Amino acid sequence: MKRTITAIAVATLAIAGAIAVGSPALADSGGVDAAKAALTNRINLRLTALQKDTTVIDGAKNLSAGHKSTLQALVSQDTAGMNALKSKVAGETTLDALKADATSMVNDYRIFILVGPKVRLTNASDSELAVIARLTMIHEKLAALVAKAKANGSNTTTAEQQLADMTSQLSKASSDINGQADGLLAVQPGPDGAAIQAKVAAVRAALSSGRSDIKSAESDAKNVREFLKGLKSK
């Protein structure tokens, strides 16, 4: 949130200052030029952020095809929008026009508080779901081995309890994570930054809860493996 406030503030300080200094002569080229330079710099920072988002998308191994396509389109669209706005800013001649451009740069795109989180949290969500799928397969294999050990006369009560907990944790993780990315991708930019950040925070919290569940499931799987190894050493 601090980063967003700073970005908006820096983008508009020069404009506000130019109005104060230049009044009543708003045509003062120095004031317009200073505001234009400040706004162009803010746009460049957003273009750099979008390039980093592209790197994340291109390097993601677990993004679903649909999510990857959606994110690529979003970043491409916003990059084009930022470049168009940059060209518009270069041709502005009044502080009022630059103020309108500064507002558009923030409210119409929300590069920092929405686009970046969409990329990173969607990648995290799909990665967690991939881990859940892998652990589900591991659970099936471990359950078969424990059942075999039980049939051979071993006391498998603890291992069975751990497998049951593993199932519960994976189910909870799936519940926490499923639908979060799609919900986030549906969030649109706008003037209410606080509302956008609240939605992003809710998704981040759900994914964090999912990660905790996954770690518990991994711990259960490790314990069952240790139990099976112990049987082999007897």
Protein backbone atom coordinates (compact mmCIF):
# COMPACT_ATOMS: atom_id res chain seq x y z
CA MET A 1 0.00 0.00 0.00
CA LYS A 2 2.87 2.38 0.82
CA ARG A 3 4.38 1.73 -2.57
CA THR A 4 1.09 2.61 -4.30
CA ILE A 5 0.60 5.77 -2.28
CA THR A 6 4.17 6.83 -3.04
CA ALA A 7 3.74 6.14 -6.74
CA ILE A 8 0.56 8.21 -6.94
CA ALA A 9 2.01 10.98 -4.80
CA VAL A 10 5.18 11.33 -6.82
CA ALA A 11 3.18 11.25 -10.02
CA THR A 12 1.04 14.18 -8.92
CA LEU A 13 3.33 16.26 -6.68
CA ALA A 14 5.06 17.95 -9.58
CA ILE A 15 1.70 18.72 -11.16
CA ALA A 16 0.28 20.14 -7.95
CA GLY A 17 3.45 22.12 -7.36
CA ALA A 18 3.43 23.49 -10.84
CA ILE A 19 -0.13 24.70 -10.39
CA ALA A 20 0.77 26.45 -7.15
CA VAL A 21 3.90 28.08 -8.54
CA GLY A 22 2.53 28.84 -11.96
CA SER A 23 -0.78 30.38 -10.92
CA PRO A 24 -2.20 32.42 -12.50
CA ALA A 25 0.13 31.78 -15.43
CA LEU A 26 -0.64 28.09 -16.02
CA ALA A 27 0.97 28.28 -19.43
CA ASP A 28 4.40 28.43 -17.76
CA SER A 29 6.34 25.86 -19.81
CA GLY A 30 8.63 25.08 -16.87
CA GLY A 31 5.71 23.93 -14.75
CA VAL A 32 4.21 21.85 -17.53
CA ASP A 33 7.56 20.33 -18.44
CA ALA A 34 8.33 19.40 -14.82
CA ALA A 35 4.93 17.77 -14.41
CA LYS A 36 5.31 15.98 -17.73
CA ALA A 37 8.73 14.60 -16.74
CA ALA A 38 7.43 13.37 -13.37
CA LEU A 39 4.44 11.64 -14.96
CA THR A 40 6.55 10.08 -17.70
CA ASN A 41 8.85 8.64 -15.06
CA ARG A 42 5.89 7.08 -13.25
CA ILE A 43 4.68 5.55 -16.50
CA ASN A 44 8.16 4.13 -17.13
CA LEU A 45 8.14 2.50 -13.70
CA ARG A 46 4.89 0.79 -14.60
CA LEU A 47 6.26 -0.38 -17.93
CA THR A 48 9.23 -1.88 -16.08
CA ALA A 49 6.85 -3.64 -13.68
CA LEU A 50 4.91 -5.06 -16.62
CA GLN A 51 8.13 -6.39 -18.14
CA LYS A 52 8.84 -8.20 -14.88
CA ASP A 53 5.30 -9.60 -14.93
CA THR A 54 5.97 -10.96 -18.42
CA THR A 55 9.12 -12.66 -17.14
CA VAL A 56 7.14 -14.33 -14.35
CA ILE A 57 4.47 -15.54 -16.77
CA ASP A 58 6.99 -16.87 -19.29
CA GLY A 59 8.92 -18.71 -16.59
CA ALA A 60 5.91 -20.18 -14.79
CA LYS A 61 5.84 -23.98 -14.94
CA ASN A 62 2.45 -24.64 -13.40
CA LEU A 63 0.20 -21.94 -14.84
CA SER A 64 -2.83 -23.46 -16.51
CA ALA A 65 -3.15 -22.70 -20.22
CA GLY A 66 -6.22 -20.57 -19.56
CA HIS A 67 -4.62 -18.54 -16.81
CA LYS A 68 -1.45 -18.03 -18.82
CA SER A 69 -3.41 -16.78 -21.81
CA THR A 70 -5.46 -14.41 -19.66
CA LEU A 71 -2.40 -12.97 -17.96
CA GLN A 72 -0.48 -12.56 -21.20
CA ALA A 73 -3.41 -10.68 -22.71
CA LEU A 74 -3.72 -8.47 -19.63
CA VAL A 75 -0.05 -7.52 -19.55
CA SER A 76 0.06 -6.96 -23.30
CA GLN A 77 -3.05 -4.77 -23.14
CA ASP A 78 -1.75 -2.70 -20.23
CA THR A 79 1.68 -2.32 -21.82
CA ALA A 80 0.03 -0.93 -24.94
CA GLY A 81 -2.12 1.33 -22.76
CA MET A 82 0.88 2.66 -20.85
CA ASN A 83 2.80 3.35 -24.05
CA ALA A 84 -0.19 5.15 -25.55
CA LEU A 85 -0.57 7.22 -22.39
CA LYS A 86 3.14 8.02 -22.47
CA SER A 87 2.79 9.36 -26.00
CA LYS A 88 -0.26 11.36 -24.94
CA VAL A 89 1.63 12.88 -22.02
CA ALA A 90 4.46 13.92 -24.33
CA GLY A 91 2.04 16.00 -26.37
CA GLU A 92 0.16 17.66 -23.49
CA THR A 93 0.38 21.44 -23.10
CA THR A 94 -1.62 22.08 -19.93
CA LEU A 95 -1.44 21.01 -16.33
CA ASP A 96 -5.12 20.07 -16.29
CA ALA A 97 -4.54 17.58 -19.10
CA LEU A 98 -1.58 16.10 -17.25
CA LYS A 99 -3.63 15.77 -14.08
CA ALA A 100 -6.24 13.82 -16.04
CA ASP A 101 -3.51 11.60 -17.48
CA ALA A 102 -2.10 10.95 -14.00
CA THR A 103 -5.54 9.88 -12.79
CA SER A 104 -5.96 7.57 -15.78
CA MET A 105 -2.53 6.06 -15.23
CA VAL A 106 -3.58 4.91 -11.76
CA ASN A 107 -7.32 4.27 -11.87
CA ASP A 108 -7.56 2.70 -15.32
CA TYR A 109 -4.73 0.20 -14.83
CA ARG A 110 -3.69 -0.39 -11.20
CA ILE A 111 -0.41 -1.94 -12.34
CA PHE A 112 1.15 -2.18 -8.88
CA ILE A 113 -1.72 -3.19 -6.61
CA LEU A 114 -3.68 -5.38 -9.04
CA VAL A 115 -1.85 -6.51 -12.18
CA GLY A 116 1.31 -7.60 -10.36
CA PRO A 117 -0.65 -9.53 -7.71
CA LYS A 118 -2.80 -11.13 -10.41
CA VAL A 119 0.34 -12.50 -12.06
CA ARG A 120 2.09 -13.68 -8.91
CA LEU A 121 -0.89 -14.99 -6.97
CA THR A 122 -2.35 -16.82 -9.95
CA ASN A 123 1.04 -18.46 -10.47
CA ALA A 124 1.16 -19.35 -6.77
CA SER A 125 -2.37 -20.74 -6.86
CA ASP A 126 -1.71 -22.98 -9.86
CA SER A 127 1.58 -24.12 -8.33
CA GLU A 128 -0.15 -25.08 -5.08
CA LEU A 129 -2.83 -26.99 -6.96
CA ALA A 130 -0.09 -28.88 -8.80
CA VAL A 131 1.47 -29.84 -5.46
CA ILE A 132 -1.90 -31.03 -4.19
CA ALA A 133 -2.28 -33.25 -7.25
CA ARG A 134 1.19 -34.72 -6.69
CA LEU A 135 0.55 -35.33 -2.98
CA THR A 136 -2.77 -37.00 -3.78
CA MET A 137 -0.94 -39.52 -5.95
CA ILE A 138 1.64 -40.03 -3.21
CA HIS A 139 -1.15 -40.61 -0.71
CA GLU A 140 -2.61 -43.36 -2.89
CA LYS A 141 0.73 -45.13 -3.14
CA LEU A 142 1.41 -44.84 0.58
CA ALA A 143 -2.09 -46.06 1.43
CA ALA A 144 -1.55 -49.16 -0.69
CA LEU A 145 1.76 -49.89 1.04
CA VAL A 146 0.26 -49.39 4.49
CA ALA A 147 -2.64 -51.68 3.62
CA LYS A 148 -0.16 -54.33 2.51
CA ALA A 149 1.80 -53.96 5.75
CA LYS A 150 -1.41 -54.31 7.74
CA ALA A 151 -2.30 -57.47 5.84
CA ASN A 152 1.11 -58.84 6.76
CA GLY A 153 0.38 -58.36 10.44
CA SER A 154 2.01 -54.99 11.19
CA ASN A 155 0.38 -52.48 13.53
CA THR A 156 -0.49 -49.65 11.13
CA THR A 157 -2.83 -47.64 13.38
CA THR A 158 -0.61 -44.56 13.54
CA ALA A 159 0.17 -44.64 9.82
CA GLU A 160 -3.52 -44.93 8.99
CA GLN A 161 -4.28 -41.93 11.20
CA GLN A 162 -1.57 -39.94 9.44
CA LEU A 163 -2.96 -40.91 6.05
CA ALA A 164 -6.42 -39.82 7.18
CA ASP A 165 -5.03 -36.48 8.32
CA MET A 166 -3.19 -36.14 5.00
CA THR A 167 -6.49 -36.60 3.17
CA SER A 168 -8.12 -33.99 5.39
CA GLN A 169 -5.32 -31.47 4.88
CA LEU A 170 -5.34 -31.91 1.11
CA SER A 171 -9.10 -31.48 1.03
CA LYS A 172 -8.86 -28.29 3.08
CA ALA A 173 -6.05 -26.98 0.88
CA SER A 174 -8.12 -27.58 -2.24
CA SER A 175 -11.06 -25.78 -0.66
CA ASP A 176 -8.85 -22.84 0.31
CA ILE A 177 -7.25 -22.49 -3.11
CA ASN A 178 -9.80 -23.48 -5.75
CA GLY A 179 -11.47 -20.48 -7.39
CA GLN A 180 -9.17 -17.90 -5.83
CA ALA A 181 -7.20 -17.17 -8.99
CA ASP A 182 -10.31 -16.87 -11.15
CA GLY A 183 -11.89 -14.55 -8.62
CA LEU A 184 -8.80 -12.35 -8.58
CA LEU A 185 -8.53 -12.27 -12.36
CA ALA A 186 -12.10 -10.98 -12.48
CA VAL A 187 -11.28 -7.93 -10.33
CA GLN A 188 -11.18 -4.76 -12.41
CA PRO A 189 -9.12 -1.60 -11.90
CA GLY A 190 -10.86 1.52 -10.67
CA PRO A 191 -10.66 4.51 -8.34
CA ASP A 192 -11.24 2.57 -5.11
CA GLY A 193 -7.71 1.38 -4.38
CA ALA A 194 -8.57 0.28 -0.85
CA ALA A 195 -11.30 -2.06 -2.10
CA ILE A 196 -8.93 -3.57 -4.66
CA GLN A 197 -6.25 -4.14 -2.04
CA ALA A 198 -8.79 -5.78 0.28
CA LYS A 199 -9.73 -8.27 -2.45
CA VAL A 200 -6.10 -9.03 -3.18
CA ALA A 201 -5.38 -9.47 0.53
CA ALA A 202 -8.23 -11.97 0.86
CA VAL A 203 -6.83 -14.08 -1.97
CA ARG A 204 -3.32 -13.90 -0.54
CA ALA A 205 -4.63 -15.04 2.86
CA ALA A 206 -6.50 -17.98 1.30
CA LEU A 207 -3.39 -19.11 -0.57
CA SER A 208 -1.33 -18.78 2.59
CA SER A 209 -3.81 -21.01 4.40
CA GLY A 210 -3.59 -23.48 1.54
CA ARG A 211 0.20 -23.56 1.78
CA SER A 212 -0.05 -24.31 5.49
CA ASP A 213 -2.41 -27.21 4.79
CA ILE A 214 -0.04 -28.53 2.12
CA LYS A 215 2.89 -28.45 4.54
CA SER A 216 0.85 -30.46 7.05
CA ALA A 217 0.03 -33.01 4.35
CA GLU A 218 3.70 -33.23 3.40
CA SER A 219 4.59 -33.84 7.04
CA ASP A 220 2.04 -36.66 7.22
CA ALA A 221 3.49 -38.24 4.08
CA LYS A 222 6.99 -38.03 5.52
CA ASN A 223 5.89 -39.73 8.72
CA VAL A 224 4.21 -42.56 6.82
CA ARG A 225 7.35 -43.06 4.72
CA GLU A 226 9.41 -43.29 7.89
CA PHE A 227 7.01 -45.88 9.26
CA LEU A 228 7.33 -47.99 6.11
CA LYS A 229 11.11 -47.68 6.14
CA GLY A 230 11.07 -48.88 9.73
CA LEU A 231 9.23 -52.01 8.71
CA LYS A 232 11.88 -52.84 6.12
CA SER A 233 14.64 -52.57 8.69
CA LYS A 234 13.03 -55.14 11.00
